[in-house]
Amino acid sequence: MRKLIKFLALPSSEQRLLIGAWVVVGLVRLGLCLLPYRTLCALLGRFEQSKGRRGAHKPSVPVDRIVWAVKAVSRILPSATCLTQAMASKALLRRNGYLPTLRIGATKNGSGEFLAHAWLEYEGRVLIGGVSDLSRYRSFPSLADRGS
């Protein structure tokens, strides 16, 4: 109930931003469970470009507010992993005119177990998925880097 009261106290622009983030994070989470990765990426690509089809636009929502909204709803939605958050943030940021980079990397922990992590970068800073030592992860080339 307290979260609902806090939500209702927000300006309507931030309420809309949170609702949009909730929808996108939820759909990305569902898509990661049900769809092949490339199919989900293709669908997100259409979403990212749909706002731009109405004409050239300048970014209207600040980067930090989009990231705030994704992080806020990810604390509520079950299993909103680093990949879910990074993909949803990327889609929302690109839809708003920004060009972030999604990174996926892997490493092994001390007992040799494979660990994967996703993060989102924009203008030299990590927006989503920042951990204490990202340098231990070997970043995979993005699908865009391979021409896919």
C-alpha atoms as a PDB file:
ATOM      1  CA  MET A   1       0.000   0.000   0.000  1.00  0.00           C
ATOM      2  CA  ARG A   2       2.872   2.342   0.826  1.00  0.00           C
ATOM      3  CA  LYS A   3       4.314   1.904  -2.680  1.00  0.00           C
ATOM      4  CA  LEU A   4       0.960   2.777  -4.225  1.00  0.00           C
ATOM      5  CA  ILE A   5       0.741   5.957  -2.141  1.00  0.00           C
ATOM      6  CA  LYS A   6       4.288   6.921  -3.168  1.00  0.00           C
ATOM      7  CA  PHE A   7       3.403   6.215  -6.812  1.00  0.00           C
ATOM      8  CA  LEU A   8       0.267   8.357  -6.676  1.00  0.00           C
ATOM      9  CA  ALA A   9       2.246  11.216  -5.126  1.00  0.00           C
ATOM     10  CA  LEU A  10       4.592  11.347  -8.129  1.00  0.00           C
ATOM     11  CA  PRO A  11       4.088  13.803 -10.986  1.00  0.00           C
ATOM     12  CA  SER A  12       2.074  12.318 -13.839  1.00  0.00           C
ATOM     13  CA  SER A  13       5.131  12.330 -16.132  1.00  0.00           C
ATOM     14  CA  GLU A  14       6.990  10.040 -13.722  1.00  0.00           C
ATOM     15  CA  GLN A  15       3.919   7.845 -13.262  1.00  0.00           C
ATOM     16  CA  ARG A  16       3.782   7.377 -17.051  1.00  0.00           C
ATOM     17  CA  LEU A  17       7.514   6.641 -17.123  1.00  0.00           C
ATOM     18  CA  LEU A  18       7.168   3.992 -14.406  1.00  0.00           C
ATOM     19  CA  ILE A  19       4.173   2.390 -16.110  1.00  0.00           C
ATOM     20  CA  GLY A  20       6.041   2.288 -19.421  1.00  0.00           C
ATOM     21  CA  ALA A  21       9.096   0.785 -17.734  1.00  0.00           C
ATOM     22  CA  TRP A  22       6.910  -1.770 -15.963  1.00  0.00           C
ATOM     23  CA  VAL A  23       5.402  -2.866 -19.277  1.00  0.00           C
ATOM     24  CA  VAL A  24       8.751  -3.062 -21.093  1.00  0.00           C
ATOM     25  CA  VAL A  25      10.609  -4.817 -18.254  1.00  0.00           C
ATOM     26  CA  GLY A  26       7.721  -7.287 -17.910  1.00  0.00           C
ATOM     27  CA  LEU A  27       7.597  -7.992 -21.631  1.00  0.00           C
ATOM     28  CA  VAL A  28      11.371  -8.417 -21.867  1.00  0.00           C
ATOM     29  CA  ARG A  29      11.273 -10.813 -18.910  1.00  0.00           C
ATOM     30  CA  LEU A  30       8.489 -12.796 -20.540  1.00  0.00           C
ATOM     31  CA  GLY A  31      10.234 -12.678 -23.922  1.00  0.00           C
ATOM     32  CA  LEU A  32      13.458 -14.064 -22.465  1.00  0.00           C
ATOM     33  CA  CYS A  33      11.466 -17.040 -21.177  1.00  0.00           C
ATOM     34  CA  LEU A  34       9.452 -17.702 -24.329  1.00  0.00           C
ATOM     35  CA  LEU A  35      11.376 -16.454 -27.368  1.00  0.00           C
ATOM     36  CA  PRO A  36      14.748 -17.048 -28.962  1.00  0.00           C
ATOM     37  CA  TYR A  37      17.141 -14.196 -28.135  1.00  0.00           C
ATOM     38  CA  ARG A  38      17.338 -12.968 -31.743  1.00  0.00           C
ATOM     39  CA  THR A  39      13.558 -12.894 -32.070  1.00  0.00           C
ATOM     40  CA  LEU A  40      13.249 -10.850 -28.887  1.00  0.00           C
ATOM     41  CA  CYS A  41      15.970  -8.479 -30.106  1.00  0.00           C
ATOM     42  CA  ALA A  42      14.153  -8.035 -33.425  1.00  0.00           C
ATOM     43  CA  LEU A  43      10.878  -7.222 -31.643  1.00  0.00           C
ATOM     44  CA  LEU A  44      12.629  -4.763 -29.346  1.00  0.00           C
ATOM     45  CA  GLY A  45      14.250  -3.183 -32.393  1.00  0.00           C
ATOM     46  CA  ARG A  46      10.811  -2.466 -33.837  1.00  0.00           C
ATOM     47  CA  PHE A  47       9.702  -0.963 -30.527  1.00  0.00           C
ATOM     48  CA  GLU A  48      12.839   1.202 -30.360  1.00  0.00           C
ATOM     49  CA  GLN A  49      12.200   2.646 -33.813  1.00  0.00           C
ATOM     50  CA  SER A  50       8.433   3.065 -33.619  1.00  0.00           C
ATOM     51  CA  LYS A  51       8.589   6.463 -31.908  1.00  0.00           C
ATOM     52  CA  GLY A  52      11.130   7.711 -34.439  1.00  0.00           C
ATOM     53  CA  ARG A  53       8.819   6.952 -37.361  1.00  0.00           C
ATOM     54  CA  ARG A  54       6.649   9.880 -36.357  1.00  0.00           C
ATOM     55  CA  GLY A  55       9.496  12.213 -37.252  1.00  0.00           C
ATOM     56  CA  ALA A  56      12.903  13.197 -35.977  1.00  0.00           C
ATOM     57  CA  HIS A  57      12.915  13.827 -32.275  1.00  0.00           C
ATOM     58  CA  LYS A  58      15.307  14.944 -29.620  1.00  0.00           C
ATOM     59  CA  PRO A  59      15.617  12.940 -26.428  1.00  0.00           C
ATOM     60  CA  SER A  60      12.713  13.997 -24.245  1.00  0.00           C
ATOM     61  CA  VAL A  61      13.298  11.971 -21.087  1.00  0.00           C
ATOM     62  CA  PRO A  62      16.685  12.243 -19.359  1.00  0.00           C
ATOM     63  CA  VAL A  63      18.818   9.090 -19.329  1.00  0.00           C
ATOM     64  CA  ASP A  64      18.936   8.978 -15.545  1.00  0.00           C
ATOM     65  CA  ARG A  65      15.126   9.043 -15.232  1.00  0.00           C
ATOM     66  CA  ILE A  66      14.723   6.107 -17.623  1.00  0.00           C
ATOM     67  CA  VAL A  67      17.341   4.134 -15.690  1.00  0.00           C
ATOM     68  CA  TRP A  68      15.655   5.086 -12.401  1.00  0.00           C
ATOM     69  CA  ALA A  69      12.299   3.811 -13.682  1.00  0.00           C
ATOM     70  CA  VAL A  70      13.729   0.489 -14.882  1.00  0.00           C
ATOM     71  CA  LYS A  71      15.554  -0.076 -11.595  1.00  0.00           C
ATOM     72  CA  ALA A  72      12.454   0.842  -9.590  1.00  0.00           C
ATOM     73  CA  VAL A  73      10.139  -1.589 -11.370  1.00  0.00           C
ATOM     74  CA  SER A  74      12.833  -4.285 -11.426  1.00  0.00           C
ATOM     75  CA  ARG A  75      12.777  -4.342  -7.631  1.00  0.00           C
ATOM     76  CA  ILE A  76       9.085  -5.284  -7.823  1.00  0.00           C
ATOM     77  CA  LEU A  77       8.906  -7.620 -10.824  1.00  0.00           C
ATOM     78  CA  PRO A  78      10.122 -11.141 -10.063  1.00  0.00           C
ATOM     79  CA  SER A  79      13.367 -12.305 -11.687  1.00  0.00           C
ATOM     80  CA  ALA A  80      14.176  -9.023 -13.429  1.00  0.00           C
ATOM     81  CA  THR A  81      17.798 -10.082 -13.948  1.00  0.00           C
ATOM     82  CA  CYS A  82      20.685  -7.964 -15.151  1.00  0.00           C
ATOM     83  CA  LEU A  83      19.915  -9.070 -18.729  1.00  0.00           C
ATOM     84  CA  THR A  84      16.243  -8.164 -18.386  1.00  0.00           C
ATOM     85  CA  GLN A  85      17.102  -4.736 -16.990  1.00  0.00           C
ATOM     86  CA  ALA A  86      19.813  -4.038 -19.561  1.00  0.00           C
ATOM     87  CA  MET A  87      17.618  -5.031 -22.515  1.00  0.00           C
ATOM     88  CA  ALA A  88      14.613  -3.073 -21.244  1.00  0.00           C
ATOM     89  CA  SER A  89      16.725   0.007 -20.526  1.00  0.00           C
ATOM     90  CA  LYS A  90      18.343  -0.202 -23.947  1.00  0.00           C
ATOM     91  CA  ALA A  91      14.941  -0.381 -25.642  1.00  0.00           C
ATOM     92  CA  LEU A  92      13.537   2.559 -23.679  1.00  0.00           C
ATOM     93  CA  LEU A  93      16.659   4.667 -24.153  1.00  0.00           C
ATOM     94  CA  ARG A  94      16.840   3.989 -27.899  1.00  0.00           C
ATOM     95  CA  ARG A  95      13.139   4.752 -28.235  1.00  0.00           C
ATOM     96  CA  ASN A  96      13.890   8.124 -26.618  1.00  0.00           C
ATOM     97  CA  GLY A  97      16.744   8.935 -28.995  1.00  0.00           C
ATOM     98  CA  TYR A  98      19.796   7.668 -27.091  1.00  0.00           C
ATOM     99  CA  LEU A  99      22.287   5.087 -28.394  1.00  0.00           C
ATOM    100  CA  PRO A 100      23.450   2.903 -25.498  1.00  0.00           C
ATOM    101  CA  THR A 101      25.478  -0.294 -25.860  1.00  0.00           C
ATOM    102  CA  LEU A 102      24.361  -3.599 -24.372  1.00  0.00           C
ATOM    103  CA  ARG A 103      27.262  -5.746 -23.135  1.00  0.00           C
ATOM    104  CA  ILE A 104      27.133  -9.395 -22.153  1.00  0.00           C
ATOM    105  CA  GLY A 105      30.167 -10.984 -20.594  1.00  0.00           C
ATOM    106  CA  ALA A 106      31.279 -14.119 -18.808  1.00  0.00           C
ATOM    107  CA  THR A 107      33.839 -15.237 -16.276  1.00  0.00           C
ATOM    108  CA  LYS A 108      34.489 -18.122 -13.917  1.00  0.00           C
ATOM    109  CA  ASN A 109      34.346 -17.783 -10.168  1.00  0.00           C
ATOM    110  CA  GLY A 110      36.909 -19.183  -7.737  1.00  0.00           C
ATOM    111  CA  SER A 111      35.433 -22.688  -7.945  1.00  0.00           C
ATOM    112  CA  GLY A 112      35.396 -22.668 -11.747  1.00  0.00           C
ATOM    113  CA  GLU A 113      31.667 -22.054 -12.188  1.00  0.00           C
ATOM    114  CA  PHE A 114      30.603 -20.131 -15.287  1.00  0.00           C
ATOM    115  CA  LEU A 115      29.096 -16.719 -14.485  1.00  0.00           C
ATOM    116  CA  ALA A 116      27.426 -14.419 -16.999  1.00  0.00           C
ATOM    117  CA  HIS A 117      26.503 -10.776 -16.589  1.00  0.00           C
ATOM    118  CA  ALA A 118      24.828  -8.087 -18.701  1.00  0.00           C
ATOM    119  CA  TRP A 119      25.269  -4.344 -18.429  1.00  0.00           C
ATOM    120  CA  LEU A 120      24.371  -1.245 -20.367  1.00  0.00           C
ATOM    121  CA  GLU A 121      26.822   1.515 -21.252  1.00  0.00           C
ATOM    122  CA  TYR A 122      26.195   5.007 -22.505  1.00  0.00           C
ATOM    123  CA  GLU A 123      28.786   7.710 -23.139  1.00  0.00           C
ATOM    124  CA  GLY A 124      31.472   5.861 -21.231  1.00  0.00           C
ATOM    125  CA  ARG A 125      29.493   5.047 -18.103  1.00  0.00           C
ATOM    126  CA  VAL A 126      27.660   1.965 -16.913  1.00  0.00           C
ATOM    127  CA  LEU A 127      23.957   2.688 -16.497  1.00  0.00           C
ATOM    128  CA  ILE A 128      22.600  -0.741 -15.585  1.00  0.00           C
ATOM    129  CA  GLY A 129      24.420  -3.787 -14.272  1.00  0.00           C
ATOM    130  CA  GLY A 130      27.340  -2.066 -12.654  1.00  0.00           C
ATOM    131  CA  VAL A 131      29.210  -4.419 -10.340  1.00  0.00           C
ATOM    132  CA  SER A 132      32.336  -3.815  -8.331  1.00  0.00           C
ATOM    133  CA  ASP A 133      34.646  -5.346 -10.940  1.00  0.00           C
ATOM    134  CA  LEU A 134      33.284  -5.516 -14.488  1.00  0.00           C
ATOM    135  CA  SER A 135      36.823  -5.990 -15.779  1.00  0.00           C
ATOM    136  CA  ARG A 136      36.724  -9.632 -14.667  1.00  0.00           C
ATOM    137  CA  TYR A 137      34.024 -10.308 -17.279  1.00  0.00           C
ATOM    138  CA  ARG A 138      35.103 -10.999 -20.825  1.00  0.00           C
ATOM    139  CA  SER A 139      32.629  -9.140 -23.003  1.00  0.00           C
ATOM    140  CA  PHE A 140      31.193 -10.987 -25.996  1.00  0.00           C
ATOM    141  CA  PRO A 141      30.972  -9.150 -29.316  1.00  0.00           C
ATOM    142  CA  SER A 142      27.480  -7.758 -29.763  1.00  0.00           C
ATOM    143  CA  LEU A 143      25.221  -9.148 -32.455  1.00  0.00           C
ATOM    144  CA  ALA A 144      25.301  -5.703 -34.078  1.00  0.00           C
ATOM    145  CA  ASP A 145      29.117  -5.913 -34.283  1.00  0.00           C
ATOM    146  CA  ARG A 146      28.747  -9.101 -36.334  1.00  0.00           C
ATOM    147  CA  GLY A 147      26.333  -7.549 -38.818  1.00  0.00           C
ATOM    148  CA  SER A 148      23.264  -9.419 -37.513  1.00  0.00           C
END
